[in-house]
Amino acid sequence: MPPIDMPEPTQICGSAGDVVFCHYQVAHTAAPNVSANVRYAVIFRLSHVDQDSQIPQVMTDIWKEWDGMKDIVKERDAV
């Protein structure tokens, strides 16, 4: 992978029972778990029933199956 210019990371500090929803391509890492409790992670891949979920491009094009979001991103990038 080529180097990517990114801002300084921001840590998300949750409380017991909190849930964080984010896209799988968000740059991330995990902080050490210093508690006695197990930290669980669950990953879901969502797609619309009308979409072909076997398209390999969805792993690198995050808006491949989301036409409305592609339009929003194009508008944002044009500014």
PDB file of N, CA and C in Angstrom:
ATOM      1  N   MET A   1       0.846  -1.182   0.000  1.00  0.00           N
ATOM      2  CA  MET A   1       0.000   0.000   0.000  1.00  0.00           C
ATOM      3  C   MET A   1       0.890   1.244   0.000  1.00  0.00           C
ATOM      4  N   PRO A   2       0.513   2.231  -0.806  1.00  0.00           N
ATOM      5  CA  PRO A   2       1.270   3.485  -0.766  1.00  0.00           C
ATOM      6  C   PRO A   2       0.974   4.229   0.527  1.00  0.00           C
ATOM      7  N   PRO A   3       1.911   5.080   0.971  1.00  0.00           N
ATOM      8  CA  PRO A   3       1.632   5.857   2.185  1.00  0.00           C
ATOM      9  C   PRO A   3       0.466   6.808   1.953  1.00  0.00           C
ATOM     10  N   ILE A   4      -0.331   7.015   2.988  1.00  0.00           N
ATOM     11  CA  ILE A   4      -1.506   7.874   2.895  1.00  0.00           C
ATOM     12  C   ILE A   4      -1.369   8.968   3.939  1.00  0.00           C
ATOM     13  N   ASP A   5      -1.507  10.225   3.508  1.00  0.00           N
ATOM     14  CA  ASP A   5      -1.489  11.331   4.457  1.00  0.00           C
ATOM     15  C   ASP A   5      -2.780  11.304   5.259  1.00  0.00           C
ATOM     16  N   MET A   6      -2.640  11.212   6.571  1.00  0.00           N
ATOM     17  CA  MET A   6      -3.815  11.155   7.430  1.00  0.00           C
ATOM     18  C   MET A   6      -3.606  12.080   8.617  1.00  0.00           C
ATOM     19  N   PRO A   7      -4.696  12.630   9.151  1.00  0.00           N
ATOM     20  CA  PRO A   7      -4.558  13.455  10.352  1.00  0.00           C
ATOM     21  C   PRO A   7      -4.193  12.594  11.560  1.00  0.00           C
ATOM     22  N   GLU A   8      -3.802  13.267  12.618  1.00  0.00           N
ATOM     23  CA  GLU A   8      -3.514  12.565  13.875  1.00  0.00           C
ATOM     24  C   GLU A   8      -4.770  11.806  14.304  1.00  0.00           C
ATOM     25  N   PRO A   9      -4.646  10.552  14.707  1.00  0.00           N
ATOM     26  CA  PRO A   9      -5.845   9.779  15.083  1.00  0.00           C
ATOM     27  C   PRO A   9      -6.512  10.316  16.345  1.00  0.00           C
ATOM     28  N   THR A  10      -7.802  10.064  16.443  1.00  0.00           N
ATOM     29  CA  THR A  10      -8.590  10.409  17.621  1.00  0.00           C
ATOM     30  C   THR A  10      -9.106   9.120  18.234  1.00  0.00           C
ATOM     31  N   GLN A  11      -8.877   8.942  19.502  1.00  0.00           N
ATOM     32  CA  GLN A  11      -9.331   7.722  20.166  1.00  0.00           C
ATOM     33  C   GLN A  11     -10.793   7.857  20.553  1.00  0.00           C
ATOM     34  N   ILE A  12     -11.562   6.806  20.309  1.00  0.00           N
ATOM     35  CA  ILE A  12     -12.957   6.751  20.738  1.00  0.00           C
ATOM     36  C   ILE A  12     -12.972   6.021  22.069  1.00  0.00           C
ATOM     37  N   CYS A  13     -13.373   6.717  23.101  1.00  0.00           N
ATOM     38  CA  CYS A  13     -13.439   6.119  24.437  1.00  0.00           C
ATOM     39  C   CYS A  13     -14.901   5.876  24.780  1.00  0.00           C
ATOM     40  N   GLY A  14     -15.280   4.632  24.856  1.00  0.00           N
ATOM     41  CA  GLY A  14     -16.662   4.302  25.177  1.00  0.00           C
ATOM     42  C   GLY A  14     -16.807   3.838  26.606  1.00  0.00           C
ATOM     43  N   SER A  15     -18.027   3.759  27.009  1.00  0.00           N
ATOM     44  CA  SER A  15     -18.357   3.221  28.323  1.00  0.00           C
ATOM     45  C   SER A  15     -18.903   1.811  28.146  1.00  0.00           C
ATOM     46  N   ALA A  16     -19.033   1.098  29.228  1.00  0.00           N
ATOM     47  CA  ALA A  16     -19.572  -0.258  29.171  1.00  0.00           C
ATOM     48  C   ALA A  16     -20.915  -0.251  28.458  1.00  0.00           C
ATOM     49  N   GLY A  17     -21.055  -1.101  27.465  1.00  0.00           N
ATOM     50  CA  GLY A  17     -22.305  -1.211  26.727  1.00  0.00           C
ATOM     51  C   GLY A  17     -22.384  -0.333  25.492  1.00  0.00           C
ATOM     52  N   ASP A  18     -21.417   0.569  25.276  1.00  0.00           N
ATOM     53  CA  ASP A  18     -21.434   1.424  24.094  1.00  0.00           C
ATOM     54  C   ASP A  18     -21.130   0.610  22.844  1.00  0.00           C
ATOM     55  N   VAL A  19     -21.649   1.071  21.713  1.00  0.00           N
ATOM     56  CA  VAL A  19     -21.427   0.435  20.425  1.00  0.00           C
ATOM     57  C   VAL A  19     -20.925   1.501  19.457  1.00  0.00           C
ATOM     58  N   VAL A  20     -19.964   1.161  18.633  1.00  0.00           N
ATOM     59  CA  VAL A  20     -19.453   2.067  17.609  1.00  0.00           C
ATOM     60  C   VAL A  20     -19.736   1.436  16.255  1.00  0.00           C
ATOM     61  N   PHE A  21     -20.468   2.152  15.407  1.00  0.00           N
ATOM     62  CA  PHE A  21     -20.724   1.698  14.047  1.00  0.00           C
ATOM     63  C   PHE A  21     -19.821   2.499  13.114  1.00  0.00           C
ATOM     64  N   CYS A  22     -19.080   1.817  12.268  1.00  0.00           N
ATOM     65  CA  CYS A  22     -18.232   2.511  11.306  1.00  0.00           C
ATOM     66  C   CYS A  22     -18.019   1.602  10.101  1.00  0.00           C
ATOM     67  N   HIS A  23     -17.560   2.200   9.031  1.00  0.00           N
ATOM     68  CA  HIS A  23     -17.284   1.448   7.814  1.00  0.00           C
ATOM     69  C   HIS A  23     -15.995   0.657   8.001  1.00  0.00           C
ATOM     70  N   TYR A  24     -15.908  -0.507   7.404  1.00  0.00           N
ATOM     71  CA  TYR A  24     -14.742  -1.362   7.591  1.00  0.00           C
ATOM     72  C   TYR A  24     -13.470  -0.775   7.009  1.00  0.00           C
ATOM     73  N   GLN A  25     -13.583   0.215   6.125  1.00  0.00           N
ATOM     74  CA  GLN A  25     -12.380   0.816   5.568  1.00  0.00           C
ATOM     75  C   GLN A  25     -11.895   2.044   6.340  1.00  0.00           C
ATOM     76  N   VAL A  26     -12.535   2.362   7.442  1.00  0.00           N
ATOM     77  CA  VAL A  26     -12.049   3.446   8.280  1.00  0.00           C
ATOM     78  C   VAL A  26     -10.720   3.002   8.885  1.00  0.00           C
ATOM     79  N   ALA A  27      -9.711   3.855   8.783  1.00  0.00           N
ATOM     80  CA  ALA A  27      -8.416   3.508   9.387  1.00  0.00           C
ATOM     81  C   ALA A  27      -8.631   3.313  10.886  1.00  0.00           C
ATOM     82  N   HIS A  28      -8.120   2.224  11.405  1.00  0.00           N
ATOM     83  CA  HIS A  28      -8.377   1.926  12.805  1.00  0.00           C
ATOM     84  C   HIS A  28      -7.295   1.021  13.388  1.00  0.00           C
ATOM     85  N   THR A  29      -7.305   0.977  14.669  1.00  0.00           N
ATOM     86  CA  THR A  29      -6.458   0.080  15.439  1.00  0.00           C
ATOM     87  C   THR A  29      -7.158  -0.125  16.776  1.00  0.00           C
ATOM     88  N   ALA A  30      -6.606  -0.892  17.628  1.00  0.00           N
ATOM     89  CA  ALA A  30      -7.225  -1.112  18.939  1.00  0.00           C
ATOM     90  C   ALA A  30      -6.265  -0.682  20.039  1.00  0.00           C
ATOM     91  N   ALA A  31      -6.812  -0.049  21.048  1.00  0.00           N
ATOM     92  CA  ALA A  31      -6.017   0.292  22.224  1.00  0.00           C
ATOM     93  C   ALA A  31      -5.958  -0.942  23.116  1.00  0.00           C
ATOM     94  N   PRO A  32      -4.925  -1.059  23.921  1.00  0.00           N
ATOM     95  CA  PRO A  32      -4.841  -2.218  24.817  1.00  0.00           C
ATOM     96  C   PRO A  32      -6.052  -2.291  25.747  1.00  0.00           C
ATOM     97  N   ASN A  33      -6.530  -3.478  25.976  1.00  0.00           N
ATOM     98  CA  ASN A  33      -7.628  -3.689  26.916  1.00  0.00           C
ATOM     99  C   ASN A  33      -7.008  -3.950  28.286  1.00  0.00           C
ATOM    100  N   VAL A  34      -7.041  -2.935  29.138  1.00  0.00           N
ATOM    101  CA  VAL A  34      -6.418  -3.067  30.459  1.00  0.00           C
ATOM    102  C   VAL A  34      -7.418  -3.500  31.530  1.00  0.00           C
ATOM    103  N   SER A  35      -8.666  -3.736  31.094  1.00  0.00           N
ATOM    104  CA  SER A  35      -9.674  -4.181  32.061  1.00  0.00           C
ATOM    105  C   SER A  35      -9.662  -5.701  32.164  1.00  0.00           C
ATOM    106  N   ALA A  36     -10.398  -6.211  33.113  1.00  0.00           N
ATOM    107  CA  ALA A  36     -10.539  -7.664  33.277  1.00  0.00           C
ATOM    108  C   ALA A  36     -11.629  -8.220  32.362  1.00  0.00           C
ATOM    109  N   ASN A  37     -12.309  -7.344  31.624  1.00  0.00           N
ATOM    110  CA  ASN A  37     -13.433  -7.756  30.770  1.00  0.00           C
ATOM    111  C   ASN A  37     -12.975  -8.049  29.343  1.00  0.00           C
ATOM    112  N   VAL A  38     -13.616  -9.018  28.722  1.00  0.00           N
ATOM    113  CA  VAL A  38     -13.325  -9.356  27.335  1.00  0.00           C
ATOM    114  C   VAL A  38     -13.934  -8.285  26.434  1.00  0.00           C
ATOM    115  N   ARG A  39     -13.203  -7.859  25.412  1.00  0.00           N
ATOM    116  CA  ARG A  39     -13.720  -6.911  24.427  1.00  0.00           C
ATOM    117  C   ARG A  39     -14.087  -7.705  23.174  1.00  0.00           C
ATOM    118  N   TYR A  40     -15.326  -7.585  22.750  1.00  0.00           N
ATOM    119  CA  TYR A  40     -15.806  -8.308  21.571  1.00  0.00           C
ATOM    120  C   TYR A  40     -15.883  -7.369  20.375  1.00  0.00           C
ATOM    121  N   ALA A  41     -15.642  -7.905  19.196  1.00  0.00           N
ATOM    122  CA  ALA A  41     -15.820  -7.163  17.946  1.00  0.00           C
ATOM    123  C   ALA A  41     -16.676  -8.011  17.022  1.00  0.00           C
ATOM    124  N   VAL A  42     -17.643  -7.395  16.393  1.00  0.00           N
ATOM    125  CA  VAL A  42     -18.513  -8.079  15.448  1.00  0.00           C
ATOM    126  C   VAL A  42     -18.463  -7.299  14.146  1.00  0.00           C
ATOM    127  N   ILE A  43     -18.266  -7.993  13.039  1.00  0.00           N
ATOM    128  CA  ILE A  43     -18.189  -7.330  11.736  1.00  0.00           C
ATOM    129  C   ILE A  43     -19.320  -7.864  10.871  1.00  0.00           C
ATOM    130  N   PHE A  44     -20.127  -6.947  10.350  1.00  0.00           N
ATOM    131  CA  PHE A  44     -21.209  -7.295   9.437  1.00  0.00           C
ATOM    132  C   PHE A  44     -20.937  -6.657   8.091  1.00  0.00           C
ATOM    133  N   ARG A  45     -21.239  -7.337   7.028  1.00  0.00           N
ATOM    134  CA  ARG A  45     -21.158  -6.775   5.677  1.00  0.00           C
ATOM    135  C   ARG A  45     -22.585  -6.640   5.198  1.00  0.00           C
ATOM    136  N   LEU A  46     -23.080  -5.408   5.089  1.00  0.00           N
ATOM    137  CA  LEU A  46     -24.459  -5.157   4.695  1.00  0.00           C
ATOM    138  C   LEU A  46     -24.535  -4.862   3.209  1.00  0.00           C
ATOM    139  N   SER A  47     -25.598  -5.332   2.582  1.00  0.00           N
ATOM    140  CA  SER A  47     -25.858  -4.990   1.184  1.00  0.00           C
ATOM    141  C   SER A  47     -27.362  -5.048   0.949  1.00  0.00           C
ATOM    142  N   HIS A  48     -27.793  -4.332  -0.044  1.00  0.00           N
ATOM    143  CA  HIS A  48     -29.204  -4.295  -0.404  1.00  0.00           C
ATOM    144  C   HIS A  48     -29.573  -5.599  -1.105  1.00  0.00           C
ATOM    145  N   VAL A  49     -30.792  -6.065  -0.915  1.00  0.00           N
ATOM    146  CA  VAL A  49     -31.221  -7.333  -1.516  1.00  0.00           C
ATOM    147  C   VAL A  49     -31.181  -7.295  -3.036  1.00  0.00           C
ATOM    148  N   ASP A  50     -31.263  -6.104  -3.634  1.00  0.00           N
ATOM    149  CA  ASP A  50     -31.220  -5.979  -5.090  1.00  0.00           C
ATOM    150  C   ASP A  50     -29.801  -5.913  -5.642  1.00  0.00           C
ATOM    151  N   GLN A  51     -28.802  -5.933  -4.780  1.00  0.00           N
ATOM    152  CA  GLN A  51     -27.416  -5.839  -5.218  1.00  0.00           C
ATOM    153  C   GLN A  51     -26.772  -7.217  -5.271  1.00  0.00           C
ATOM    154  N   ASP A  52     -25.845  -7.380  -6.212  1.00  0.00           N
ATOM    155  CA  ASP A  52     -25.066  -8.610  -6.302  1.00  0.00           C
ATOM    156  C   ASP A  52     -23.951  -8.528  -5.256  1.00  0.00           C
ATOM    157  N   SER A  53     -24.096  -9.227  -4.164  1.00  0.00           N
ATOM    158  CA  SER A  53     -23.139  -9.117  -3.060  1.00  0.00           C
ATOM    159  C   SER A  53     -21.814  -9.817  -3.359  1.00  0.00           C
ATOM    160  N   GLN A  54     -21.679 -10.465  -4.501  1.00  0.00           N
ATOM    161  CA  GLN A  54     -20.442 -11.155  -4.845  1.00  0.00           C
ATOM    162  C   GLN A  54     -19.480 -10.278  -5.633  1.00  0.00           C
ATOM    163  N   ILE A  55     -19.816  -9.021  -5.829  1.00  0.00           N
ATOM    164  CA  ILE A  55     -18.957  -8.123  -6.601  1.00  0.00           C
ATOM    165  C   ILE A  55     -17.682  -7.841  -5.795  1.00  0.00           C
ATOM    166  N   PRO A  56     -16.495  -8.210  -6.293  1.00  0.00           N
ATOM    167  CA  PRO A  56     -15.276  -7.987  -5.503  1.00  0.00           C
ATOM    168  C   PRO A  56     -14.930  -6.503  -5.327  1.00  0.00           C
ATOM    169  N   GLN A  57     -15.412  -5.644  -6.205  1.00  0.00           N
ATOM    170  CA  GLN A  57     -15.068  -4.227  -6.114  1.00  0.00           C
ATOM    171  C   GLN A  57     -15.602  -3.580  -4.835  1.00  0.00           C
ATOM    172  N   VAL A  58     -16.609  -4.157  -4.199  1.00  0.00           N
ATOM    173  CA  VAL A  58     -17.161  -3.535  -2.991  1.00  0.00           C
ATOM    174  C   VAL A  58     -16.145  -3.502  -1.855  1.00  0.00           C
ATOM    175  N   MET A  59     -15.119  -4.313  -1.935  1.00  0.00           N
ATOM    176  CA  MET A  59     -14.115  -4.307  -0.877  1.00  0.00           C
ATOM    177  C   MET A  59     -13.187  -3.098  -0.971  1.00  0.00           C
ATOM    178  N   THR A  60     -13.093  -2.465  -2.148  1.00  0.00           N
ATOM    179  CA  THR A  60     -12.232  -1.291  -2.296  1.00  0.00           C
ATOM    180  C   THR A  60     -13.003  -0.026  -2.666  1.00  0.00           C
ATOM    181  N   ASP A  61     -14.187  -0.166  -3.246  1.00  0.00           N
ATOM    182  CA  ASP A  61     -15.030   0.985  -3.573  1.00  0.00           C
ATOM    183  C   ASP A  61     -16.169   1.006  -2.569  1.00  0.00           C
ATOM    184  N   ILE A  62     -16.023   1.816  -1.521  1.00  0.00           N
ATOM    185  CA  ILE A  62     -16.974   1.739  -0.417  1.00  0.00           C
ATOM    186  C   ILE A  62     -18.382   2.168  -0.796  1.00  0.00           C
ATOM    187  N   TRP A  63     -18.545   2.898  -1.898  1.00  0.00           N
ATOM    188  CA  TRP A  63     -19.891   3.339  -2.300  1.00  0.00           C
ATOM    189  C   TRP A  63     -20.404   2.569  -3.512  1.00  0.00           C
ATOM    190  N   LYS A  64     -19.785   1.452  -3.868  1.00  0.00           N
ATOM    191  CA  LYS A  64     -20.169   0.666  -5.056  1.00  0.00           C
ATOM    192  C   LYS A  64     -21.659   0.320  -5.075  1.00  0.00           C
ATOM    193  N   GLU A  65     -22.215  -0.065  -3.940  1.00  0.00           N
ATOM    194  CA  GLU A  65     -23.614  -0.494  -3.893  1.00  0.00           C
ATOM    195  C   GLU A  65     -24.568   0.605  -3.430  1.00  0.00           C
ATOM    196  N   TRP A  66     -24.064   1.810  -3.229  1.00  0.00           N
ATOM    197  CA  TRP A  66     -24.859   2.883  -2.636  1.00  0.00           C
ATOM    198  C   TRP A  66     -24.870   4.091  -3.570  1.00  0.00           C
ATOM    199  N   ASP A  67     -25.725   4.032  -4.600  1.00  0.00           N
ATOM    200  CA  ASP A  67     -25.760   5.090  -5.613  1.00  0.00           C
ATOM    201  C   ASP A  67     -25.993   6.470  -5.007  1.00  0.00           C
ATOM    202  N   GLY A  68     -26.887   6.602  -4.044  1.00  0.00           N
ATOM    203  CA  GLY A  68     -27.153   7.904  -3.424  1.00  0.00           C
ATOM    204  C   GLY A  68     -25.917   8.482  -2.752  1.00  0.00           C
ATOM    205  N   MET A  69     -25.130   7.649  -2.097  1.00  0.00           N
ATOM    206  CA  MET A  69     -23.914   8.132  -1.437  1.00  0.00           C
ATOM    207  C   MET A  69     -22.866   8.528  -2.457  1.00  0.00           C
ATOM    208  N   LYS A  70     -22.781   7.812  -3.574  1.00  0.00           N
ATOM    209  CA  LYS A  70     -21.818   8.187  -4.610  1.00  0.00           C
ATOM    210  C   LYS A  70     -22.096   9.603  -5.086  1.00  0.00           C
ATOM    211  N   ASP A  71     -23.373   9.957  -5.241  1.00  0.00           N
ATOM    212  CA  ASP A  71     -23.741  11.307  -5.675  1.00  0.00           C
ATOM    213  C   ASP A  71     -23.331  12.345  -4.644  1.00  0.00           C
ATOM    214  N   ILE A  72     -23.556  12.060  -3.377  1.00  0.00           N
ATOM    215  CA  ILE A  72     -23.190  12.992  -2.301  1.00  0.00           C
ATOM    216  C   ILE A  72     -21.671  13.201  -2.268  1.00  0.00           C
ATOM    217  N   VAL A  73     -20.912  12.124  -2.387  1.00  0.00           N
ATOM    218  CA  VAL A  73     -19.450  12.231  -2.361  1.00  0.00           C
ATOM    219  C   VAL A  73     -18.948  13.013  -3.568  1.00  0.00           C
ATOM    220  N   LYS A  74     -19.522  12.793  -4.742  1.00  0.00           N
ATOM    221  CA  LYS A  74     -19.122  13.539  -5.947  1.00  0.00           C
ATOM    222  C   LYS A  74     -19.377  15.031  -5.747  1.00  0.00           C
ATOM    223  N   GLU A  75     -20.533  15.376  -5.185  1.00  0.00           N
ATOM    224  CA  GLU A  75     -20.858  16.786  -4.932  1.00  0.00           C
ATOM    225  C   GLU A  75     -19.868  17.388  -3.943  1.00  0.00           C
ATOM    226  N   ARG A  76     -19.562  16.656  -2.889  1.00  0.00           N
ATOM    227  CA  ARG A  76     -18.613  17.146  -1.869  1.00  0.00           C
ATOM    228  C   ARG A  76     -17.224  17.348  -2.468  1.00  0.00           C
ATOM    229  N   ASP A  77     -16.779  16.397  -3.281  1.00  0.00           N
ATOM    230  CA  ASP A  77     -15.434  16.477  -3.857  1.00  0.00           C
ATOM    231  C   ASP A  77     -15.317  17.575  -4.914  1.00  0.00           C
ATOM    232  N   ALA A  78     -16.447  17.963  -5.507  1.00  0.00           N
ATOM    233  CA  ALA A  78     -16.429  19.011  -6.538  1.00  0.00           C
ATOM    234  C   ALA A  78     -16.280  20.407  -5.933  1.00  0.00           C
ATOM    235  N   VAL A  79     -16.531  20.529  -4.632  1.00  0.00           N
ATOM    236  CA  VAL A  79     -16.458  21.847  -3.972  1.00  0.00           C
ATOM    237  C   VAL A  79     -15.043  22.258  -3.728  1.00  0.00           C
TER     238      VAL A  79
END
